[in-house]
Amino acid sequence: MAPRRLLIALALLATPAAGQARDQLTIGLTQYPATLHPSIESMAAKSYVHGFTLRPITIYDADWQLVCMLCTRLPTVENGQAVRETAPNGNPGIRVTYRLRADAHWGDGTPITAEDIVFAWQAGREPATGMGPAELYRSLHRITVVDPRTVTLHFDKLTFEYNAINDLRPLPAHLERAIWQEDPRGYRTRTLYDRDPARPGLWSGPYRVAALTTGASVTLERNEQWRGAAPAFRRIVIRTIENTTALEAALLAGQIDMIAGELGLTLDQAIALERRAGNRFRIHYQPGLIYEHIDLNLDNPVLADPRVREALLRGIDRQQIVERLFAGRQPVAHSFVNPLDWMHDPTLPTTPFDPDGARRLLEEAGWRPGPDGIRRNAAGERLSLELMTTAGNRSRELVQQVLQGMWRQIGVEIRLRNEPPRVFFGETVSKRRFQAMAMFAWISSPENVPRTTLHSTEIPTEDRNWSGQNYTGFKNAEMDELIETLPLTLDREERRPMWRRVQELYMTERPVLPLFFRSDAHIWPRWLEGVRPTGHLAPSSLWVEQWKATQ
């Protein structure tokens, strides 16, 4: 059955007359979600939309503290709602009891119940479904339904994050279960979240999806079944403008009211905009756990050689990139761990900009300079690699060009090929179809154990219906063991040396080329108050009830 596409006409917003309340907010961002299903694929654009329309059970807030959203009280060992037990495999486990809020409803009035959690777990636990993160569903070996609003989750591991179930998203069993049961493998393409996204019963937040234009916009209306604090705006329109220059032009023309920092202008553009038109907007720069990097496809025989990977990193002057393109306001990254996170280890040796060393490494790997300066191997093959990123992002495209020039200086030819974000993330990266290098950003939560991105069992394959985020294909037995042991180590200081070794392995094996940690530029109209960015995985839209129009 072909997807149903609901079309809307987007009118430009006129400035309200004096005393007239604003009832619509138009937001611009640079990506359109590849899917709206809560547990299939991982995209910042989807997360931002879901901040308005869905509520997770638990989440990290703007103060980086774990809090309840759908539950009434965060269960802990201390308050007796989390109890240690022996798991069926004989290992130390834990049972954790969550009680759902009595006022939690889907948009069609159906209460959110234990069955919605059970269904989400059942679907995620079935490998054919292809939902992630797989380890969460595997470790959660049993769910006990205490009553319609209370569940006890039984985990076969006792971890330091035992009560953080941010990724266990309830799914409306009354709408989705029959579709999944009919064909678990085909569920990815048959879910109502993509075939009929305006169905009210799919949504549980202050807003629900009312209409969309695929690739262009999502329109949200107030959710009549929302029982929490009433949001300020009757309608929110989220417009996707993938080209950041066009996004800025739309803001200046009044076609959008604000630009979401989670997926908005690049830092250099925001700084320039502040100089030119800062009196018209409030611009907030939010440093955070946003890691810009280049994933390397380790199945590529050229990149399988660790000497080539090290040479590529030594050939990048990352400090010059952040100074020239971002006014020095984004720190160079040497691993995936941000200095803002407590487990960052600044004593680890880093890889410097060293073009002479890069050339020596390439010589050792059998790549000799050709007549045009591009290196060739003994078979006469050119050292030519493809670098992909999201089309229309001016900052990334500038970084691409700088990298292309830097790598040519050490004899590496770079071919640039970009795609719209929904294709790049939805197909090319998630299914490991990039030939050599893919540049994008990971957004993480505090002390995020990198299981989905670095554990060897998380490499996406067709057999697993493309679940997992280890897009590089990285396999390292010691890294696997550390990733499995880290969560089981309850004492933070005992985890510190493990985190050091994880970073050390990452920095020496180099499955990824670290670039820098991003600061997001949030651009708001001066009449909008209450937006509070988090600096981590949870989008500011999760607290939309606090947003207010002051005129």
Protein backbone atom coordinates (compact mmCIF):
# COMPACT_ATOMS: atom_id res chain seq x y z
CA MET A 1 0.00 0.00 0.00
CA ALA A 2 1.43 3.38 -0.96
CA PRO A 3 2.13 5.79 1.92
CA ARG A 4 -0.61 8.34 2.48
CA ARG A 5 0.75 11.85 2.07
CA LEU A 6 -1.14 14.66 3.71
CA LEU A 7 -0.58 18.01 2.10
CA ILE A 8 -0.88 21.41 3.70
CA ALA A 9 -0.61 24.94 2.40
CA LEU A 10 2.05 26.91 4.25
CA ALA A 11 1.09 30.55 4.58
CA LEU A 12 3.58 33.17 5.65
CA LEU A 13 2.97 34.38 9.14
CA ALA A 14 1.83 37.95 9.52
CA THR A 15 2.81 39.90 12.62
CA PRO A 16 -0.15 39.89 15.03
CA ALA A 17 -1.90 43.16 15.60
CA ALA A 18 -1.33 44.91 18.91
CA GLY A 19 -2.94 42.93 21.71
CA GLN A 20 -3.63 39.93 19.47
CA ALA A 21 -2.23 36.67 20.85
CA ARG A 22 0.13 34.64 18.73
CA ASP A 23 -1.36 31.23 18.10
CA GLN A 24 1.13 29.84 15.58
CA LEU A 25 4.87 29.31 15.70
CA THR A 26 6.87 28.40 12.60
CA ILE A 27 10.21 26.72 13.16
CA GLY A 28 12.91 26.10 10.59
CA LEU A 29 15.39 23.24 10.65
CA THR A 30 17.69 21.54 8.16
CA GLN A 31 16.49 17.93 8.19
CA TYR A 32 13.30 16.04 7.53
CA PRO A 33 12.77 12.75 9.41
CA ALA A 34 13.31 9.59 7.39
CA THR A 35 10.58 7.99 9.54
CA LEU A 36 8.34 9.14 12.38
CA HIS A 37 8.39 5.79 14.18
CA PRO A 38 9.81 6.27 17.70
CA SER A 39 12.13 3.24 17.63
CA ILE A 40 13.20 2.89 14.00
CA GLU A 41 16.24 4.84 12.78
CA SER A 42 17.96 7.57 14.77
CA MET A 43 17.77 11.14 13.47
CA ALA A 44 17.90 14.44 15.28
CA ALA A 45 15.02 15.74 13.14
CA LYS A 46 12.75 12.96 14.33
CA SER A 47 13.83 13.48 17.93
CA TYR A 48 12.95 17.18 17.64
CA VAL A 49 9.47 16.46 16.27
CA HIS A 50 8.91 13.82 18.94
CA GLY A 51 9.77 16.35 21.63
CA PHE A 52 6.46 18.05 20.83
CA THR A 53 4.41 14.93 20.17
CA LEU A 54 5.58 12.06 22.38
CA ARG A 55 6.65 11.63 25.97
CA PRO A 56 9.36 9.15 27.04
CA ILE A 57 9.15 7.33 30.34
CA THR A 58 12.46 8.79 31.55
CA ILE A 59 14.84 11.39 30.14
CA TYR A 60 17.85 13.53 31.06
CA ASP A 61 16.74 17.13 31.59
CA ALA A 62 18.51 20.43 30.89
CA ASP A 63 20.43 20.05 34.17
CA TRP A 64 21.66 16.62 32.97
CA GLN A 65 19.62 14.88 35.68
CA LEU A 66 17.54 11.77 35.02
CA VAL A 67 13.84 12.57 35.53
CA CYS A 68 10.44 10.98 34.97
CA MET A 69 8.16 12.19 32.20
CA LEU A 70 5.55 9.43 31.82
CA CYS A 71 6.27 7.84 35.20
CA THR A 72 5.16 9.23 38.56
CA ARG A 73 8.43 8.73 40.46
CA LEU A 74 11.91 7.75 39.38
CA PRO A 75 12.53 4.26 40.79
CA THR A 76 15.75 3.80 42.76
CA VAL A 77 17.29 1.21 45.02
CA GLU A 78 17.00 3.75 47.84
CA ASN A 79 13.22 4.25 47.49
CA GLY A 80 12.60 0.52 47.12
CA GLN A 81 11.26 0.64 43.57
CA ALA A 82 14.42 -1.03 42.24
CA VAL A 83 15.43 -4.34 43.83
CA ARG A 84 18.44 -6.52 43.08
CA GLU A 85 17.70 -10.08 42.00
CA THR A 86 19.46 -13.01 40.40
CA ALA A 87 18.77 -13.19 36.67
CA PRO A 88 17.92 -16.48 34.90
CA ASN A 89 21.49 -16.57 33.55
CA GLY A 90 22.78 -16.56 37.15
CA ASN A 91 24.17 -13.03 36.92
CA PRO A 92 23.27 -10.15 39.23
CA GLY A 93 20.14 -8.54 37.83
CA ILE A 94 17.61 -5.99 38.95
CA ARG A 95 13.86 -5.48 38.80
CA VAL A 96 12.68 -1.92 38.42
CA THR A 97 9.05 -0.85 38.89
CA TYR A 98 7.56 2.12 37.04
CA ARG A 99 4.09 3.55 37.57
CA LEU A 100 2.65 5.52 34.66
CA ARG A 101 0.95 8.86 35.17
CA ALA A 102 -2.82 8.57 35.50
CA ASP A 103 -3.28 11.47 33.07
CA ALA A 104 -1.17 9.92 30.29
CA HIS A 105 -3.27 9.34 27.15
CA TRP A 106 -2.80 8.81 23.45
CA GLY A 107 -4.31 11.48 21.24
CA ASP A 108 -7.47 9.44 20.57
CA GLY A 109 -8.24 9.31 24.30
CA THR A 110 -6.92 5.79 24.89
CA PRO A 111 -4.96 5.63 28.16
CA ILE A 112 -1.26 4.81 27.92
CA THR A 113 -0.94 1.52 29.78
CA ALA A 114 1.44 -1.28 30.60
CA GLU A 115 0.40 -3.00 27.35
CA ASP A 116 1.99 -0.21 25.32
CA ILE A 117 5.30 -0.85 27.07
CA VAL A 118 4.97 -4.62 26.69
CA PHE A 119 4.25 -4.27 22.97
CA ALA A 120 7.22 -1.95 22.43
CA TRP A 121 9.44 -4.51 24.17
CA GLN A 122 8.03 -7.44 22.19
CA ALA A 123 8.53 -5.67 18.87
CA GLY A 124 12.01 -4.49 19.81
CA ARG A 125 13.03 -7.90 21.08
CA GLU A 126 12.19 -9.57 17.77
CA PRO A 127 15.32 -9.28 15.56
CA ALA A 128 13.27 -9.24 12.35
CA THR A 129 11.70 -5.92 13.37
CA GLY A 130 15.04 -4.14 13.16
CA MET A 131 14.46 -1.75 16.06
CA GLY A 132 17.20 -0.41 18.29
CA PRO A 133 18.92 -0.39 20.65
CA ALA A 134 18.96 -4.18 20.53
CA GLU A 135 20.84 -4.66 23.80
CA LEU A 136 18.11 -2.90 25.79
CA TYR A 137 15.48 -5.32 24.54
CA ARG A 138 17.74 -8.33 25.04
CA SER A 139 18.80 -7.43 28.59
CA LEU A 140 15.18 -6.72 29.53
CA HIS A 141 14.28 -10.41 29.70
CA ARG A 142 10.84 -10.16 31.35
CA ILE A 143 8.11 -7.62 32.06
CA THR A 144 5.64 -8.18 34.89
CA VAL A 145 2.38 -6.26 34.52
CA VAL A 146 1.37 -5.33 38.07
CA ASP A 147 -1.74 -3.41 37.01
CA PRO A 148 -2.74 -1.40 33.91
CA ARG A 149 -0.51 1.50 34.96
CA THR A 150 2.35 -0.35 36.67
CA VAL A 151 5.09 -2.54 35.22
CA THR A 152 8.13 -4.22 36.69
CA LEU A 153 11.04 -4.57 34.27
CA HIS A 154 13.45 -7.44 34.91
CA PHE A 155 16.99 -6.91 33.60
CA ASP A 156 19.65 -9.62 33.46
CA LYS A 157 22.30 -7.00 34.31
CA LEU A 158 22.72 -4.60 37.20
CA THR A 159 24.08 -1.43 35.62
CA PHE A 160 24.80 2.09 36.84
CA GLU A 161 22.03 3.30 34.52
CA TYR A 162 19.50 0.69 35.66
CA ASN A 163 16.59 3.14 35.88
CA ALA A 164 17.29 5.11 32.68
CA ILE A 165 14.89 3.61 30.12
CA ASN A 166 14.95 6.64 27.83
CA ASP A 167 15.01 4.41 24.73
CA LEU A 168 12.10 2.17 25.73
CA ARG A 169 9.40 4.19 24.01
CA PRO A 170 5.78 3.06 24.55
CA LEU A 171 3.99 2.23 21.31
CA PRO A 172 0.17 2.41 20.91
CA ALA A 173 -0.63 -1.30 21.03
CA HIS A 174 -4.27 -0.70 20.09
CA LEU A 175 -3.13 0.68 16.71
CA GLU A 176 0.24 -0.90 15.93
CA ARG A 177 0.30 -4.38 17.44
CA ALA A 178 -1.81 -6.08 14.76
CA ILE A 179 0.31 -4.53 11.99
CA TRP A 180 3.49 -5.79 13.61
CA GLN A 181 2.12 -9.27 14.31
CA GLU A 182 1.08 -9.70 10.69
CA ASP A 183 4.62 -9.11 9.39
CA PRO A 184 7.42 -8.22 11.86
CA ARG A 185 10.05 -7.79 9.13
CA GLY A 186 7.81 -5.60 7.01
CA TYR A 187 6.64 -3.54 9.99
CA ARG A 188 9.30 -0.89 9.28
CA THR A 189 7.48 0.14 6.12
CA ARG A 190 3.90 -0.59 7.24
CA THR A 191 3.76 1.31 10.54
CA LEU A 192 1.02 3.93 10.84
CA TYR A 193 3.67 6.43 11.92
CA ASP A 194 4.61 6.61 8.25
CA ARG A 195 1.43 5.48 6.45
CA ASP A 196 -1.05 7.58 8.46
CA PRO A 197 0.94 9.95 10.70
CA ALA A 198 -2.05 12.22 11.35
CA ARG A 199 -3.81 9.44 13.28
CA PRO A 200 -4.29 11.09 16.71
CA GLY A 201 -3.77 7.86 18.64
CA LEU A 202 -0.10 7.72 17.66
CA TRP A 203 0.82 10.75 19.75
CA SER A 204 1.03 11.43 23.49
CA GLY A 205 2.62 14.87 23.88
CA PRO A 206 1.19 18.40 24.08
CA TYR A 207 0.93 18.35 20.27
CA ARG A 208 0.01 15.77 17.66
CA VAL A 209 0.90 15.54 13.98
CA ALA A 210 -1.97 17.07 12.02
CA ALA A 211 -0.52 17.08 8.51
CA LEU A 212 2.73 16.87 6.61
CA THR A 213 4.33 17.45 3.27
CA THR A 214 6.94 14.77 2.81
CA GLY A 215 10.42 16.27 2.78
CA ALA A 216 9.17 19.79 3.45
CA SER A 217 7.11 20.29 6.61
CA VAL A 218 5.29 18.81 9.57
CA THR A 219 2.28 20.63 11.03
CA LEU A 220 1.42 20.08 14.68
CA GLU A 221 -1.86 20.92 16.42
CA ARG A 222 -2.64 20.92 20.12
CA ASN A 223 -3.38 17.44 21.39
CA GLU A 224 -6.91 17.60 22.81
CA GLN A 225 -6.15 14.62 25.05
CA TRP A 226 -3.07 16.21 26.64
CA ARG A 227 -3.73 16.57 30.38
CA GLY A 228 -0.60 18.50 31.36
CA ALA A 229 0.09 22.25 31.26
CA ALA A 230 -1.45 23.77 28.14
CA PRO A 231 1.07 24.79 25.46
CA ALA A 232 1.03 28.41 24.33
CA PHE A 233 0.54 27.90 20.59
CA ARG A 234 -2.45 26.38 18.84
CA ARG A 235 -0.31 25.26 15.93
CA ILE A 236 3.39 24.69 15.34
CA VAL A 237 4.71 24.33 11.79
CA ILE A 238 8.14 22.72 11.40
CA ARG A 239 9.60 23.57 8.02
CA THR A 240 12.56 21.72 6.55
CA ILE A 241 14.95 23.89 4.58
CA GLU A 242 18.01 21.75 3.96
CA ASN A 243 20.19 24.54 2.59
CA THR A 244 21.39 26.62 5.54
CA THR A 245 21.76 29.78 3.44
CA ALA A 246 18.14 29.46 2.34
CA LEU A 247 17.17 28.76 5.96
CA GLU A 248 18.74 32.04 7.05
CA ALA A 249 17.01 33.89 4.21
CA ALA A 250 13.63 32.48 5.27
CA LEU A 251 14.24 33.72 8.82
CA LEU A 252 15.16 37.23 7.67
CA ALA A 253 12.13 37.32 5.35
CA GLY A 254 9.78 36.41 8.22
CA GLN A 255 8.77 33.10 6.64
CA ILE A 256 9.84 31.29 9.82
CA ASP A 257 9.91 32.64 13.38
CA MET A 258 12.89 30.74 14.74
CA ILE A 259 15.62 28.28 13.85
CA ALA A 260 16.00 25.20 16.02
CA GLY A 261 19.54 25.05 17.33
CA GLU A 262 19.47 21.26 17.28
CA LEU A 263 19.38 21.38 13.46
CA GLY A 264 19.89 24.94 12.40
CA LEU A 265 22.47 27.39 11.17
CA THR A 266 26.11 26.56 11.46
CA LEU A 267 28.08 28.42 14.08
CA ASP A 268 29.85 30.65 11.55
CA GLN A 269 26.52 31.63 9.98
CA ALA A 270 24.99 32.41 13.36
CA ILE A 271 27.94 34.59 14.35
CA ALA A 272 27.65 36.51 11.07
CA LEU A 273 23.86 36.84 11.51
CA GLU A 274 24.34 38.20 15.02
CA ARG A 275 26.63 40.92 13.68
CA ARG A 276 24.15 41.93 10.96
CA ALA A 277 20.74 41.47 12.57
CA GLY A 278 21.30 40.59 16.21
CA ASN A 279 18.82 43.24 17.35
CA ARG A 280 15.99 41.32 15.67
CA PHE A 281 16.66 37.98 17.38
CA ARG A 282 17.96 36.38 20.52
CA ILE A 283 20.85 34.06 19.71
CA HIS A 284 21.94 31.49 22.25
CA TYR A 285 25.09 29.40 21.81
CA GLN A 286 24.79 26.03 23.55
CA PRO A 287 27.90 23.86 23.89
CA GLY A 288 27.07 20.22 24.26
CA LEU A 289 27.63 16.55 23.59
CA ILE A 290 27.54 16.96 19.83
CA TYR A 291 30.43 15.21 18.14
CA GLU A 292 31.27 16.07 14.52
CA HIS A 293 33.34 13.31 12.99
CA ILE A 294 33.96 11.14 9.93
CA ASP A 295 32.92 7.49 10.00
CA LEU A 296 35.27 5.29 7.99
CA ASN A 297 33.94 2.23 6.21
CA LEU A 298 36.44 -0.36 7.41
CA ASP A 299 35.27 -2.83 4.76
CA ASN A 300 36.98 -0.58 2.23
CA PRO A 301 40.38 -2.29 1.65
CA VAL A 302 42.21 1.04 1.61
CA LEU A 303 40.76 2.13 4.97
CA ALA A 304 41.24 -1.34 6.47
CA ASP A 305 44.95 -0.45 6.73
CA PRO A 306 45.49 1.32 10.09
CA ARG A 307 48.44 3.23 8.63
CA VAL A 308 46.17 4.89 6.10
CA ARG A 309 43.67 5.81 8.82
CA GLU A 310 46.39 7.37 10.95
CA ALA A 311 47.80 9.22 7.94
CA LEU A 312 44.40 10.72 7.16
CA LEU A 313 44.09 12.01 10.73
CA ARG A 314 47.64 13.39 10.77
CA GLY A 315 46.86 15.17 7.53
CA ILE A 316 44.07 17.29 9.08
CA ASP A 317 44.83 20.60 10.78
CA ARG A 318 41.74 20.52 13.00
CA GLN A 319 42.81 23.55 15.02
CA GLN A 320 42.99 25.63 11.86
CA ILE A 321 39.52 24.42 10.85
CA VAL A 322 37.91 25.49 14.14
CA GLU A 323 39.83 28.80 14.19
CA ARG A 324 39.12 29.80 10.60
CA LEU A 325 35.59 28.48 10.18
CA PHE A 326 34.19 28.75 13.70
CA ALA A 327 36.14 31.61 15.32
CA GLY A 328 37.71 29.14 17.75
CA ARG A 329 34.39 28.56 19.50
CA GLN A 330 34.25 24.80 18.94
CA PRO A 331 36.92 22.63 20.62
CA VAL A 332 38.91 20.11 18.64
CA ALA A 333 37.80 16.52 19.31
CA HIS A 334 40.37 13.80 19.92
CA SER A 335 37.84 11.09 20.80
CA PHE A 336 34.06 10.81 21.07
CA VAL A 337 34.13 11.87 24.76
CA ASN A 338 33.41 15.57 25.23
CA PRO A 339 35.43 17.55 27.81
CA LEU A 340 32.05 18.54 29.32
CA ASP A 341 31.48 14.92 30.34
CA TRP A 342 33.14 13.79 33.57
CA MET A 343 34.89 10.73 32.09
CA HIS A 344 36.88 12.76 29.55
CA ASP A 345 40.61 12.06 30.07
CA PRO A 346 42.78 15.03 29.05
CA THR A 347 46.03 13.16 29.82
CA LEU A 348 45.76 10.80 26.85
CA PRO A 349 48.24 11.50 24.03
CA THR A 350 46.59 13.02 20.97
CA THR A 351 47.33 12.77 17.25
CA PRO A 352 48.82 16.08 16.02
CA PHE A 353 48.68 17.73 12.64
CA ASP A 354 51.74 16.14 11.05
CA PRO A 355 51.72 16.07 7.23
CA ASP A 356 55.29 14.75 7.02
CA GLY A 357 54.38 11.86 9.32
CA ALA A 358 51.26 11.24 7.23
CA ARG A 359 53.35 10.98 4.07
CA ARG A 360 55.74 8.50 5.74
CA LEU A 361 52.83 6.31 6.84
CA LEU A 362 51.39 6.26 3.33
CA GLU A 363 54.81 5.31 1.94
CA GLU A 364 54.97 2.42 4.42
CA ALA A 365 51.50 1.34 3.32
CA GLY A 366 52.70 1.09 -0.29
CA TRP A 367 51.26 4.32 -1.66
CA ARG A 368 53.83 6.24 -3.76
CA PRO A 369 53.37 9.71 -5.32
CA GLY A 370 52.20 9.66 -8.94
CA PRO A 371 53.04 12.22 -11.65
CA ASP A 372 50.01 14.36 -10.68
CA GLY A 373 50.82 14.22 -6.96
CA ILE A 374 48.13 11.64 -6.16
CA ARG A 375 49.55 8.45 -4.69
CA ARG A 376 49.28 5.06 -6.34
CA ASN A 377 49.89 1.53 -5.14
CA ALA A 378 51.92 -1.18 -6.85
CA ALA A 379 48.93 -2.08 -9.02
CA GLY A 380 48.67 1.51 -10.25
CA GLU A 381 45.44 2.23 -8.37
CA ARG A 382 44.98 5.83 -7.27
CA LEU A 383 44.58 6.68 -3.59
CA SER A 384 41.12 8.13 -4.16
CA LEU A 385 38.40 8.17 -1.51
CA GLU A 386 34.82 9.41 -1.48
CA LEU A 387 33.73 11.78 1.32
CA MET A 388 29.99 12.20 1.85
CA THR A 389 27.88 14.43 4.08
CA THR A 390 24.49 16.15 4.24
CA ALA A 391 23.79 18.28 1.19
CA GLY A 392 22.94 21.93 1.80
CA ASN A 393 24.79 22.27 5.11
CA ARG A 394 27.16 25.10 4.30
CA SER A 395 29.46 24.44 7.23
CA ARG A 396 29.96 20.78 6.40
CA GLU A 397 30.48 21.56 2.75
CA LEU A 398 33.16 24.12 3.69
CA VAL A 399 34.84 21.58 5.97
CA GLN A 400 34.72 19.06 3.12
CA GLN A 401 36.53 21.48 0.81
CA VAL A 402 39.18 22.26 3.43
CA LEU A 403 39.74 18.56 4.06
CA GLN A 404 39.96 17.92 0.33
CA GLY A 405 42.77 20.49 0.07
CA MET A 406 44.62 19.27 3.15
CA TRP A 407 44.52 15.64 2.08
CA ARG A 408 45.70 16.49 -1.42
CA GLN A 409 48.85 17.88 0.19
CA ILE A 410 49.70 14.37 1.40
CA GLY A 411 48.75 12.77 -1.93
CA VAL A 412 45.16 11.66 -1.27
CA GLU A 413 42.45 12.46 -3.79
CA ILE A 414 39.03 13.18 -2.28
CA ARG A 415 35.81 12.95 -4.28
CA LEU A 416 32.89 14.84 -2.74
CA ARG A 417 29.36 13.45 -3.00
CA ASN A 418 26.50 14.65 -0.82
CA GLU A 419 22.87 13.67 -0.33
CA PRO A 420 19.77 15.18 1.33
CA PRO A 421 19.78 14.27 5.04
CA ARG A 422 16.73 12.01 4.80
CA VAL A 423 18.52 9.90 2.15
CA PHE A 424 21.98 10.16 3.68
CA PHE A 425 20.82 9.00 7.11
CA GLY A 426 17.79 6.94 6.12
CA GLU A 427 19.53 4.81 3.51
CA THR A 428 23.21 5.45 2.86
CA VAL A 429 24.64 5.58 6.38
CA SER A 430 22.15 3.35 8.16
CA LYS A 431 22.70 0.58 5.60
CA ARG A 432 26.47 1.16 5.30
CA ARG A 433 26.26 2.10 1.65
CA PHE A 434 28.87 4.86 1.82
CA GLN A 435 32.01 3.77 -0.03
CA ALA A 436 34.65 5.31 2.21
CA MET A 437 33.87 8.26 4.52
CA ALA A 438 30.70 9.77 5.95
CA MET A 439 30.80 13.05 7.89
CA PHE A 440 28.03 13.77 10.41
CA ALA A 441 27.46 14.29 14.13
CA TRP A 442 26.48 12.06 17.02
CA ILE A 443 24.43 13.63 19.80
CA SER A 444 24.69 11.72 23.06
CA SER A 445 23.43 11.75 26.63
CA PRO A 446 25.69 12.15 29.70
CA GLU A 447 28.10 9.23 30.22
CA ASN A 448 26.77 7.40 27.22
CA VAL A 449 28.31 3.94 26.87
CA PRO A 450 28.97 3.63 23.10
CA ARG A 451 27.51 0.16 22.63
CA THR A 452 25.43 0.92 19.55
CA THR A 453 28.30 2.65 17.73
CA LEU A 454 31.35 0.57 18.70
CA HIS A 455 30.30 -2.93 19.77
CA SER A 456 30.84 -5.54 17.08
CA THR A 457 27.31 -6.94 17.47
CA GLU A 458 25.85 -3.56 16.49
CA ILE A 459 27.08 -3.59 12.88
CA PRO A 460 23.95 -3.13 10.71
CA THR A 461 23.21 -6.03 8.40
CA GLU A 462 20.29 -7.05 6.23
CA ASP A 463 19.75 -10.09 8.44
CA ARG A 464 19.21 -7.75 11.42
CA ASN A 465 16.96 -5.50 9.30
CA TRP A 466 19.66 -2.80 9.57
CA SER A 467 19.41 -2.23 13.32
CA GLY A 468 22.59 -1.00 15.06
CA GLN A 469 24.73 2.11 14.57
CA ASN A 470 28.23 0.66 14.18
CA TYR A 471 28.37 2.03 10.67
CA THR A 472 32.17 1.72 10.43
CA GLY A 473 32.09 -2.07 10.89
CA PHE A 474 34.55 -1.77 13.78
CA LYS A 475 35.43 -5.03 15.54
CA ASN A 476 37.68 -5.17 18.58
CA ALA A 477 37.40 -7.83 21.28
CA GLU A 478 38.82 -5.63 24.04
CA MET A 479 36.45 -2.80 23.16
CA ASP A 480 33.52 -5.24 23.24
CA GLU A 481 34.56 -6.45 26.69
CA LEU A 482 34.95 -2.90 28.04
CA ILE A 483 31.56 -1.86 26.64
CA GLU A 484 29.98 -4.86 28.34
CA THR A 485 31.79 -4.33 31.65
CA LEU A 486 31.41 -0.56 31.97
CA PRO A 487 27.65 -0.53 32.65
CA LEU A 488 28.05 -3.27 35.28
CA THR A 489 30.53 -1.19 37.28
CA LEU A 490 28.41 0.79 39.72
CA ASP A 491 31.15 2.88 41.30
CA ARG A 492 32.03 5.90 39.19
CA GLU A 493 35.70 5.98 40.20
CA GLU A 494 36.06 2.32 39.28
CA ARG A 495 34.69 3.17 35.83
CA ARG A 496 37.28 5.89 35.28
CA PRO A 497 40.18 3.64 34.16
CA MET A 498 37.80 1.72 31.91
CA TRP A 499 36.69 4.94 30.26
CA ARG A 500 40.34 5.88 29.80
CA ARG A 501 41.03 2.60 28.03
CA VAL A 502 37.93 2.97 25.81
CA GLN A 503 39.17 6.39 24.71
CA GLU A 504 42.71 5.09 24.23
CA LEU A 505 41.52 2.23 21.99
CA TYR A 506 39.34 4.60 20.02
CA MET A 507 42.24 7.00 19.50
CA THR A 508 44.72 4.30 18.44
CA GLU A 509 42.46 2.05 16.33
CA ARG A 510 40.87 5.08 14.60
CA PRO A 511 37.64 3.64 13.18
CA VAL A 512 36.53 7.27 13.10
CA LEU A 513 38.29 10.56 12.39
CA PRO A 514 37.34 13.00 15.20
CA LEU A 515 36.88 16.61 14.10
CA PHE A 516 35.34 18.88 16.76
CA PHE A 517 32.57 19.24 19.32
CA ARG A 518 29.80 21.48 18.08
CA SER A 519 28.08 24.34 19.78
CA ASP A 520 24.50 24.80 18.61
CA ALA A 521 23.19 28.24 17.74
CA HIS A 522 19.56 28.64 18.83
CA ILE A 523 17.89 31.61 17.14
CA TRP A 524 14.64 32.82 18.67
CA PRO A 525 12.37 35.81 18.08
CA ARG A 526 12.62 38.33 20.89
CA TRP A 527 8.98 37.68 21.82
CA LEU A 528 9.59 33.98 22.56
CA GLU A 529 10.63 32.92 26.06
CA GLY A 530 11.10 29.65 27.91
CA VAL A 531 13.13 27.62 25.40
CA ARG A 532 15.86 25.81 27.29
CA PRO A 533 18.42 23.80 25.30
CA THR A 534 19.95 20.77 27.02
CA GLY A 535 23.30 20.36 25.29
CA HIS A 536 22.71 16.63 24.93
CA LEU A 537 20.47 14.08 23.24
CA ALA A 538 17.14 15.34 24.60
CA PRO A 539 15.79 18.17 22.42
CA SER A 540 14.50 21.46 23.84
CA SER A 541 11.08 20.67 22.34
CA LEU A 542 10.43 18.16 25.14
CA TRP A 543 9.58 21.10 27.38
CA VAL A 544 7.42 23.03 24.93
CA GLU A 545 4.81 23.67 27.67
CA GLN A 546 7.27 26.21 29.10
CA TRP A 547 7.48 28.21 25.88
CA LYS A 548 5.62 31.53 25.99
CA ALA A 549 4.93 34.37 23.58
CA THR A 550 5.38 37.71 25.31
CA GLN A 551 3.35 39.76 22.84
